[in-house]
Amino acid sequence: MKIRKTIYTWLTTRYTMVIRSEETFAEKKSFSFTYAKLLVFGFIYTSLIATLSYYVVTGVLSTWLDPREQVLETKKRVVSLSVRVDSLSAEMDRKERYITDLKKLFIDFKEE
């Protein structure tokens, strides 16, 4: 029971931090706080920094540093280029058939 009281009093005791000028000892600012407030603000600050760091590392830096990201980008590019090569090959085959048909037509026309 005594430990609970001492922790409670340690967390709820109010303190004042005063910032003074070194030359004149005039009070510049003063802050009132308790250790409970400091713990809550410290936890919130740490959580925000950790969350922000996580999103920066997984979002921005993954494209720069993660080799898996580069492999995925390369695979996408290879697939895109293979589709383009296939379509160009089909187009070239179609044009070759057209030219051979024209040659046959000219040869048949010449023989008549």
Protein backbone atom coordinates (compact mmCIF):
# COMPACT_ATOMS: atom_id res chain seq x y z
CA MET A 1 0.00 0.00 0.00
CA LYS A 2 2.81 2.36 0.82
CA ILE A 3 4.45 1.77 -2.59
CA ARG A 4 1.19 2.65 -4.34
CA LYS A 5 0.97 5.92 -2.38
CA THR A 6 4.55 6.87 -3.13
CA ILE A 7 4.14 6.17 -6.85
CA TYR A 8 0.87 8.12 -6.90
CA THR A 9 2.40 11.08 -5.10
CA TRP A 10 5.48 10.95 -7.35
CA LEU A 11 3.27 11.04 -10.47
CA THR A 12 0.88 13.75 -9.26
CA THR A 13 3.19 16.15 -7.44
CA ARG A 14 3.27 19.44 -9.35
CA TYR A 15 6.62 20.98 -10.25
CA THR A 16 7.50 24.29 -11.81
CA MET A 17 10.47 24.79 -14.08
CA VAL A 18 11.62 28.39 -14.32
CA ILE A 19 13.87 29.75 -17.04
CA ARG A 20 15.77 32.85 -15.93
CA SER A 21 18.14 35.26 -17.57
CA GLU A 22 21.72 34.56 -16.51
CA GLU A 23 22.71 38.20 -16.08
CA THR A 24 19.68 39.67 -14.33
CA PHE A 25 17.97 36.56 -12.99
CA ALA A 26 14.74 37.87 -14.49
CA GLU A 27 12.17 35.18 -15.11
CA LYS A 28 11.78 34.49 -18.85
CA LYS A 29 9.40 31.50 -18.84
CA SER A 30 7.96 29.05 -16.36
CA PHE A 31 6.41 25.64 -16.98
CA SER A 32 4.19 23.72 -14.61
CA PHE A 33 4.26 19.93 -14.97
CA THR A 34 3.83 16.59 -13.25
CA TYR A 35 5.70 13.38 -13.98
CA ALA A 36 2.46 11.82 -15.18
CA LYS A 37 2.13 14.51 -17.87
CA LEU A 38 5.76 14.02 -18.84
CA LEU A 39 5.24 10.28 -19.19
CA VAL A 40 2.10 10.73 -21.32
CA PHE A 41 3.72 13.31 -23.60
CA GLY A 42 6.86 11.18 -23.85
CA PHE A 43 4.80 8.14 -24.86
CA ILE A 44 2.83 10.14 -27.45
CA TYR A 45 6.02 11.68 -28.86
CA THR A 46 7.75 8.29 -29.08
CA SER A 47 4.69 6.72 -30.73
CA LEU A 48 4.48 9.49 -33.32
CA ILE A 49 8.18 9.27 -34.14
CA ALA A 50 8.00 5.46 -34.41
CA THR A 51 4.91 5.61 -36.67
CA LEU A 52 6.42 8.29 -38.87
CA SER A 53 9.68 6.34 -39.13
CA TYR A 54 7.83 3.16 -40.07
CA TYR A 55 5.92 4.87 -42.88
CA VAL A 56 9.05 6.57 -44.18
CA VAL A 57 11.01 3.32 -44.20
CA THR A 58 8.25 1.22 -45.78
CA GLY A 59 7.14 3.86 -48.26
CA VAL A 60 9.92 6.13 -49.40
CA LEU A 61 13.09 4.27 -48.59
CA SER A 62 11.86 0.87 -49.79
CA THR A 63 12.04 2.05 -53.38
CA TRP A 64 15.64 3.17 -52.88
CA LEU A 65 17.08 0.50 -50.62
CA ASP A 66 14.99 -2.67 -50.93
CA PRO A 67 16.32 -5.00 -53.66
CA ARG A 68 12.94 -6.75 -53.87
CA GLU A 69 11.38 -3.50 -55.03
CA GLN A 70 13.93 -3.25 -57.84
CA VAL A 71 13.31 -6.88 -58.83
CA LEU A 72 9.56 -6.25 -59.00
CA GLU A 73 10.11 -3.14 -61.11
CA THR A 74 12.43 -5.07 -63.44
CA LYS A 75 9.90 -7.91 -63.80
CA LYS A 76 7.16 -5.45 -64.68
CA ARG A 77 9.39 -3.87 -67.29
CA VAL A 78 10.34 -7.27 -68.76
CA VAL A 79 6.68 -8.26 -69.04
CA SER A 80 5.85 -4.95 -70.68
CA LEU A 81 8.71 -5.30 -73.15
CA SER A 82 7.84 -8.93 -73.97
CA VAL A 83 4.25 -7.93 -74.75
CA ARG A 84 5.56 -5.19 -77.00
CA VAL A 85 7.97 -7.60 -78.76
CA ASP A 86 5.13 -10.09 -79.30
CA SER A 87 2.90 -7.43 -80.83
CA LEU A 88 5.74 -6.18 -83.05
CA SER A 89 6.51 -9.75 -84.14
CA ALA A 90 2.87 -10.35 -85.06
CA GLU A 91 2.81 -7.06 -86.98
CA MET A 92 6.00 -8.00 -88.82
CA ASP A 93 4.60 -11.43 -89.75
CA ARG A 94 1.43 -9.82 -91.06
CA LYS A 95 3.42 -7.37 -93.21
CA GLU A 96 5.63 -10.17 -94.54
CA ARG A 97 2.54 -12.14 -95.59
CA TYR A 98 1.16 -9.03 -97.26
CA ILE A 99 4.43 -8.52 -99.19
CA THR A 100 4.60 -12.18 -100.26
CA ASP A 101 0.97 -12.00 -101.40
CA LEU A 102 1.78 -8.88 -103.42
CA LYS A 103 4.82 -10.63 -104.96
CA LYS A 104 2.69 -13.61 -105.92
CA LEU A 105 0.11 -11.26 -107.43
CA PHE A 106 2.76 -9.43 -109.47
CA ILE A 107 4.34 -12.69 -110.61
CA ASP A 108 0.92 -14.04 -111.67
CA PHE A 109 0.14 -10.74 -113.41
CA LYS A 110 3.49 -10.79 -115.24
CA GLU A 111 2.96 -14.35 -116.50
CA GLU A 112 -0.37 -13.48 -118.10
